[in-house]
Amino acid sequence: MSMSFLPLWRPALVSLIGLSLLTGGLYPLAVTGLAQALFPAQAQGSLIQHGGQTLGSHLIGQPFSDPGHFWGRPSATAPMAYNAAASGGPNQGPLNPALSEAVRARIAALRAADPGQTGPVPVDLVTASASGLDPHISPAAAAYQLPRVARARGLDPTELQALVEQHTERPRWGWFGEAQVHVLALNLALDARR
């Protein structure tokens, strides 16, 4: 009886080995090679380099707490901010007391950092994105922080607003998505002005 099953095992084993080599070896190598050839910057993680040093990625936010820098969205990857290995939202709904408490604490921190700013706090400054790694803020969030950053750096707010405008990414093709400001790129431009 076991001899009758032997012919069935051979094609199954050959298929397993062949498909494993194809899907586990050849396909990933081909895709990686194509990505490196056609999109080398993106294939390497869209890294932002300055002076021969890697400062971050265009795709992952960075924590900033200095009053002279624009601050990004809160990261949901606690305890280490913007930890790509822990990417994912906290799954806290709008009625969750923990989310309400976190938002109140973030609003209080923003108000303490700039007591003169009495306008409404943009929602993206007090809530994390779905991935918890978002490197962008809305133009409204940048405008909210503009007086604090201008004061801390001794810059004219109009001049700083022009710099924010230069680093505002418009919707693709004029309608796909929303305008957004890349926080790391804006802060690097600010640091370059020193």
C-alpha atoms as a PDB file:
ATOM      1  CA  MET A   1       0.000   0.000   0.000  1.00  0.00           C
ATOM      2  CA  SER A   2       2.808   2.490   0.800  1.00  0.00           C
ATOM      3  CA  MET A   3       4.359   1.760  -2.609  1.00  0.00           C
ATOM      4  CA  SER A   4       1.240   3.070  -4.385  1.00  0.00           C
ATOM      5  CA  PHE A   5       1.641   6.507  -2.762  1.00  0.00           C
ATOM      6  CA  LEU A   6       5.320   6.826  -3.748  1.00  0.00           C
ATOM      7  CA  PRO A   7       4.586   8.138  -7.255  1.00  0.00           C
ATOM      8  CA  LEU A   8       2.408  10.916  -5.713  1.00  0.00           C
ATOM      9  CA  TRP A   9       5.121  12.151  -3.368  1.00  0.00           C
ATOM     10  CA  ARG A  10       7.693  12.780  -6.051  1.00  0.00           C
ATOM     11  CA  PRO A  11       5.754  15.442  -8.046  1.00  0.00           C
ATOM     12  CA  ALA A  12       4.622  17.080  -4.801  1.00  0.00           C
ATOM     13  CA  LEU A  13       8.211  17.292  -3.512  1.00  0.00           C
ATOM     14  CA  VAL A  14       9.515  18.597  -6.847  1.00  0.00           C
ATOM     15  CA  SER A  15       6.725  21.221  -6.917  1.00  0.00           C
ATOM     16  CA  LEU A  16       7.497  22.289  -3.344  1.00  0.00           C
ATOM     17  CA  ILE A  17      11.205  22.709  -4.031  1.00  0.00           C
ATOM     18  CA  GLY A  18      10.605  24.433  -7.394  1.00  0.00           C
ATOM     19  CA  LEU A  19       8.024  26.888  -6.053  1.00  0.00           C
ATOM     20  CA  SER A  20      10.128  27.585  -2.961  1.00  0.00           C
ATOM     21  CA  LEU A  21      13.088  28.520  -5.154  1.00  0.00           C
ATOM     22  CA  LEU A  22      10.893  30.595  -7.461  1.00  0.00           C
ATOM     23  CA  THR A  23       8.854  32.491  -4.849  1.00  0.00           C
ATOM     24  CA  GLY A  24      11.401  32.520  -2.033  1.00  0.00           C
ATOM     25  CA  GLY A  25      14.529  33.188  -4.050  1.00  0.00           C
ATOM     26  CA  LEU A  26      14.226  34.220  -7.688  1.00  0.00           C
ATOM     27  CA  TYR A  27      11.186  36.500  -7.386  1.00  0.00           C
ATOM     28  CA  PRO A  28      12.510  38.529  -4.405  1.00  0.00           C
ATOM     29  CA  LEU A  29      15.902  38.880  -6.111  1.00  0.00           C
ATOM     30  CA  ALA A  30      14.275  40.067  -9.341  1.00  0.00           C
ATOM     31  CA  VAL A  31      12.034  42.593  -7.557  1.00  0.00           C
ATOM     32  CA  THR A  32      14.926  43.883  -5.434  1.00  0.00           C
ATOM     33  CA  GLY A  33      17.177  44.195  -8.474  1.00  0.00           C
ATOM     34  CA  LEU A  34      14.506  46.038 -10.456  1.00  0.00           C
ATOM     35  CA  ALA A  35      13.785  48.383  -7.547  1.00  0.00           C
ATOM     36  CA  GLN A  36      17.492  49.138  -7.093  1.00  0.00           C
ATOM     37  CA  ALA A  37      17.864  49.832 -10.822  1.00  0.00           C
ATOM     38  CA  LEU A  38      14.713  51.921 -11.363  1.00  0.00           C
ATOM     39  CA  PHE A  39      14.134  53.569  -7.963  1.00  0.00           C
ATOM     40  CA  PRO A  40      17.422  53.460  -6.016  1.00  0.00           C
ATOM     41  CA  ALA A  41      16.528  56.156  -3.448  1.00  0.00           C
ATOM     42  CA  GLN A  42      13.163  54.608  -2.623  1.00  0.00           C
ATOM     43  CA  ALA A  43      14.622  51.090  -2.517  1.00  0.00           C
ATOM     44  CA  GLN A  44      17.134  52.283   0.077  1.00  0.00           C
ATOM     45  CA  GLY A  45      14.389  53.680   2.343  1.00  0.00           C
ATOM     46  CA  SER A  46      14.066  57.257   0.998  1.00  0.00           C
ATOM     47  CA  LEU A  47      16.852  58.365   3.328  1.00  0.00           C
ATOM     48  CA  ILE A  48      17.579  62.032   3.978  1.00  0.00           C
ATOM     49  CA  GLN A  49      21.311  62.669   4.109  1.00  0.00           C
ATOM     50  CA  HIS A  50      23.103  65.860   5.018  1.00  0.00           C
ATOM     51  CA  GLY A  51      26.848  66.325   5.172  1.00  0.00           C
ATOM     52  CA  GLY A  52      27.477  62.615   4.648  1.00  0.00           C
ATOM     53  CA  GLN A  53      25.293  61.688   7.615  1.00  0.00           C
ATOM     54  CA  THR A  54      21.911  59.947   7.460  1.00  0.00           C
ATOM     55  CA  LEU A  55      19.425  62.086   9.393  1.00  0.00           C
ATOM     56  CA  GLY A  56      16.247  60.119   8.809  1.00  0.00           C
ATOM     57  CA  SER A  57      13.832  58.937   6.176  1.00  0.00           C
ATOM     58  CA  HIS A  58      11.394  60.909   4.097  1.00  0.00           C
ATOM     59  CA  LEU A  59       8.807  58.298   5.129  1.00  0.00           C
ATOM     60  CA  ILE A  60       9.209  58.228   8.924  1.00  0.00           C
ATOM     61  CA  GLY A  61       8.727  61.105  11.357  1.00  0.00           C
ATOM     62  CA  GLN A  62      11.347  62.319  13.805  1.00  0.00           C
ATOM     63  CA  PRO A  63      10.801  63.533  17.363  1.00  0.00           C
ATOM     64  CA  PHE A  64      11.427  67.253  17.951  1.00  0.00           C
ATOM     65  CA  SER A  65      10.913  69.023  21.282  1.00  0.00           C
ATOM     66  CA  ASP A  66      13.133  72.114  20.946  1.00  0.00           C
ATOM     67  CA  PRO A  67      11.019  75.310  20.809  1.00  0.00           C
ATOM     68  CA  GLY A  68      13.044  76.457  17.793  1.00  0.00           C
ATOM     69  CA  HIS A  69      11.856  73.518  15.682  1.00  0.00           C
ATOM     70  CA  PHE A  70       8.491  72.566  14.292  1.00  0.00           C
ATOM     71  CA  TRP A  71       7.051  69.515  16.042  1.00  0.00           C
ATOM     72  CA  GLY A  72       5.504  66.601  14.207  1.00  0.00           C
ATOM     73  CA  ARG A  73       2.509  64.466  14.986  1.00  0.00           C
ATOM     74  CA  PRO A  74       2.605  62.410  18.168  1.00  0.00           C
ATOM     75  CA  SER A  75       3.911  58.907  17.602  1.00  0.00           C
ATOM     76  CA  ALA A  76       1.794  55.909  18.525  1.00  0.00           C
ATOM     77  CA  THR A  77       4.914  53.756  18.807  1.00  0.00           C
ATOM     78  CA  ALA A  78       5.556  54.238  22.511  1.00  0.00           C
ATOM     79  CA  PRO A  79       7.751  53.940  24.448  1.00  0.00           C
ATOM     80  CA  MET A  80      10.264  54.801  21.688  1.00  0.00           C
ATOM     81  CA  ALA A  81       8.961  57.560  19.409  1.00  0.00           C
ATOM     82  CA  TYR A  82       8.768  56.800  15.682  1.00  0.00           C
ATOM     83  CA  ASN A  83       9.891  53.195  16.072  1.00  0.00           C
ATOM     84  CA  ALA A  84       9.129  51.582  12.698  1.00  0.00           C
ATOM     85  CA  ALA A  85       9.225  48.104  14.254  1.00  0.00           C
ATOM     86  CA  ALA A  86       6.205  49.054  16.396  1.00  0.00           C
ATOM     87  CA  SER A  87       4.221  50.724  13.614  1.00  0.00           C
ATOM     88  CA  GLY A  88       0.468  50.779  14.055  1.00  0.00           C
ATOM     89  CA  GLY A  89      -2.202  52.897  15.618  1.00  0.00           C
ATOM     90  CA  PRO A  90      -3.328  52.546  19.213  1.00  0.00           C
ATOM     91  CA  ASN A  91      -6.852  51.472  18.140  1.00  0.00           C
ATOM     92  CA  GLN A  92      -8.391  53.900  20.599  1.00  0.00           C
ATOM     93  CA  GLY A  93     -11.796  55.131  19.563  1.00  0.00           C
ATOM     94  CA  PRO A  94     -13.077  58.673  20.138  1.00  0.00           C
ATOM     95  CA  LEU A  95     -14.912  57.611  23.303  1.00  0.00           C
ATOM     96  CA  ASN A  96     -11.883  55.895  24.841  1.00  0.00           C
ATOM     97  CA  PRO A  97     -10.880  57.696  28.077  1.00  0.00           C
ATOM     98  CA  ALA A  98      -7.187  56.956  27.445  1.00  0.00           C
ATOM     99  CA  LEU A  99      -7.305  58.791  24.108  1.00  0.00           C
ATOM    100  CA  SER A 100      -9.151  61.754  25.648  1.00  0.00           C
ATOM    101  CA  GLU A 101      -6.572  61.946  28.441  1.00  0.00           C
ATOM    102  CA  ALA A 102      -3.656  61.751  25.991  1.00  0.00           C
ATOM    103  CA  VAL A 103      -5.150  64.506  23.823  1.00  0.00           C
ATOM    104  CA  ARG A 104      -5.722  66.766  26.847  1.00  0.00           C
ATOM    105  CA  ALA A 105      -2.110  66.212  27.974  1.00  0.00           C
ATOM    106  CA  ARG A 106      -0.798  67.038  24.492  1.00  0.00           C
ATOM    107  CA  ILE A 107      -2.896  70.199  24.297  1.00  0.00           C
ATOM    108  CA  ALA A 108      -1.601  71.242  27.728  1.00  0.00           C
ATOM    109  CA  ALA A 109       2.003  70.650  26.577  1.00  0.00           C
ATOM    110  CA  LEU A 110       1.445  72.764  23.450  1.00  0.00           C
ATOM    111  CA  ARG A 111      -0.158  75.555  25.487  1.00  0.00           C
ATOM    112  CA  ALA A 112       2.717  75.458  28.007  1.00  0.00           C
ATOM    113  CA  ALA A 113       5.289  75.664  25.190  1.00  0.00           C
ATOM    114  CA  ASP A 114       3.586  78.764  23.752  1.00  0.00           C
ATOM    115  CA  PRO A 115       1.233  80.428  26.291  1.00  0.00           C
ATOM    116  CA  GLY A 116       0.525  83.311  23.914  1.00  0.00           C
ATOM    117  CA  GLN A 117      -0.973  80.978  21.327  1.00  0.00           C
ATOM    118  CA  THR A 118      -4.689  80.900  22.116  1.00  0.00           C
ATOM    119  CA  GLY A 119      -6.020  79.626  18.788  1.00  0.00           C
ATOM    120  CA  PRO A 120      -7.556  76.193  18.349  1.00  0.00           C
ATOM    121  CA  VAL A 121      -5.006  73.379  18.326  1.00  0.00           C
ATOM    122  CA  PRO A 122      -4.989  71.462  15.008  1.00  0.00           C
ATOM    123  CA  VAL A 123      -6.028  67.867  15.506  1.00  0.00           C
ATOM    124  CA  ASP A 124      -2.879  66.438  13.887  1.00  0.00           C
ATOM    125  CA  LEU A 125      -0.721  67.964  16.646  1.00  0.00           C
ATOM    126  CA  VAL A 126      -2.530  65.978  19.339  1.00  0.00           C
ATOM    127  CA  THR A 127      -3.441  62.677  17.632  1.00  0.00           C
ATOM    128  CA  ALA A 128      -1.229  60.036  16.063  1.00  0.00           C
ATOM    129  CA  SER A 129      -1.636  58.841  12.495  1.00  0.00           C
ATOM    130  CA  ALA A 130      -2.741  55.284  11.720  1.00  0.00           C
ATOM    131  CA  SER A 131       0.858  54.097  11.392  1.00  0.00           C
ATOM    132  CA  GLY A 132       2.177  56.275  14.215  1.00  0.00           C
ATOM    133  CA  LEU A 133       5.098  57.238  11.965  1.00  0.00           C
ATOM    134  CA  ASP A 134       3.723  60.097   9.855  1.00  0.00           C
ATOM    135  CA  PRO A 135       6.482  62.602   8.934  1.00  0.00           C
ATOM    136  CA  HIS A 136       4.013  65.307   7.852  1.00  0.00           C
ATOM    137  CA  ILE A 137       1.815  67.874   9.530  1.00  0.00           C
ATOM    138  CA  SER A 138      -0.932  69.989   8.035  1.00  0.00           C
ATOM    139  CA  PRO A 139      -0.261  73.588   7.007  1.00  0.00           C
ATOM    140  CA  ALA A 140      -2.615  74.571   9.866  1.00  0.00           C
ATOM    141  CA  ALA A 141      -0.369  72.718  12.352  1.00  0.00           C
ATOM    142  CA  ALA A 142       2.685  74.529  10.960  1.00  0.00           C
ATOM    143  CA  ALA A 143       0.864  77.887  11.177  1.00  0.00           C
ATOM    144  CA  TYR A 144      -0.082  77.152  14.797  1.00  0.00           C
ATOM    145  CA  GLN A 145       3.596  76.611  15.705  1.00  0.00           C
ATOM    146  CA  LEU A 146       4.972  79.460  13.599  1.00  0.00           C
ATOM    147  CA  PRO A 147       4.902  82.186  16.317  1.00  0.00           C
ATOM    148  CA  ARG A 148       6.756  79.954  18.815  1.00  0.00           C
ATOM    149  CA  VAL A 149       9.445  78.961  16.304  1.00  0.00           C
ATOM    150  CA  ALA A 150       9.859  82.552  15.051  1.00  0.00           C
ATOM    151  CA  ARG A 151      10.288  83.828  18.627  1.00  0.00           C
ATOM    152  CA  ALA A 152      12.737  81.058  19.589  1.00  0.00           C
ATOM    153  CA  ARG A 153      14.888  81.698  16.520  1.00  0.00           C
ATOM    154  CA  GLY A 154      14.521  85.475  16.383  1.00  0.00           C
ATOM    155  CA  LEU A 155      13.053  85.314  12.873  1.00  0.00           C
ATOM    156  CA  ASP A 156      10.481  87.508  11.225  1.00  0.00           C
ATOM    157  CA  PRO A 157       7.210  85.495  11.113  1.00  0.00           C
ATOM    158  CA  THR A 158       6.612  86.555   7.502  1.00  0.00           C
ATOM    159  CA  GLU A 159      10.019  85.201   6.499  1.00  0.00           C
ATOM    160  CA  LEU A 160       9.322  81.969   8.379  1.00  0.00           C
ATOM    161  CA  GLN A 161       5.905  81.661   6.718  1.00  0.00           C
ATOM    162  CA  ALA A 162       7.629  81.871   3.320  1.00  0.00           C
ATOM    163  CA  LEU A 163       9.920  78.997   4.357  1.00  0.00           C
ATOM    164  CA  VAL A 164       6.913  76.913   5.456  1.00  0.00           C
ATOM    165  CA  GLU A 165       5.277  77.601   2.081  1.00  0.00           C
ATOM    166  CA  GLN A 166       8.431  76.392   0.307  1.00  0.00           C
ATOM    167  CA  HIS A 167       8.215  73.103   2.210  1.00  0.00           C
ATOM    168  CA  THR A 168       4.487  72.574   1.781  1.00  0.00           C
ATOM    169  CA  GLU A 169       3.809  69.624  -0.496  1.00  0.00           C
ATOM    170  CA  ARG A 170       0.699  70.231  -2.600  1.00  0.00           C
ATOM    171  CA  PRO A 171      -1.823  67.505  -3.507  1.00  0.00           C
ATOM    172  CA  ARG A 172      -0.690  65.274  -6.353  1.00  0.00           C
ATOM    173  CA  TRP A 173      -2.058  66.387  -9.706  1.00  0.00           C
ATOM    174  CA  GLY A 174      -3.793  69.230  -7.877  1.00  0.00           C
ATOM    175  CA  TRP A 175      -6.524  67.115  -6.296  1.00  0.00           C
ATOM    176  CA  PHE A 176      -5.203  63.802  -4.896  1.00  0.00           C
ATOM    177  CA  GLY A 177      -4.614  64.121  -1.141  1.00  0.00           C
ATOM    178  CA  GLU A 178      -4.151  67.217   0.984  1.00  0.00           C
ATOM    179  CA  ALA A 179      -1.416  69.798   1.343  1.00  0.00           C
ATOM    180  CA  GLN A 180       1.141  68.757   3.943  1.00  0.00           C
ATOM    181  CA  VAL A 181       4.413  69.947   5.428  1.00  0.00           C
ATOM    182  CA  HIS A 182       7.364  67.570   5.832  1.00  0.00           C
ATOM    183  CA  VAL A 183       8.613  68.359   9.342  1.00  0.00           C
ATOM    184  CA  LEU A 184      12.185  67.046   9.038  1.00  0.00           C
ATOM    185  CA  ALA A 185      12.786  68.827   5.712  1.00  0.00           C
ATOM    186  CA  LEU A 186      11.415  72.082   7.143  1.00  0.00           C
ATOM    187  CA  ASN A 187      13.555  71.823  10.285  1.00  0.00           C
ATOM    188  CA  LEU A 188      16.662  71.055   8.229  1.00  0.00           C
ATOM    189  CA  ALA A 189      15.983  74.174   6.154  1.00  0.00           C
ATOM    190  CA  LEU A 190      15.597  76.152   9.373  1.00  0.00           C
ATOM    191  CA  ASP A 191      18.900  74.821  10.723  1.00  0.00           C
ATOM    192  CA  ALA A 192      20.644  75.673   7.441  1.00  0.00           C
ATOM    193  CA  ARG A 193      19.673  79.341   7.898  1.00  0.00           C
ATOM    194  CA  ARG A 194      21.775  79.711  11.056  1.00  0.00           C
END
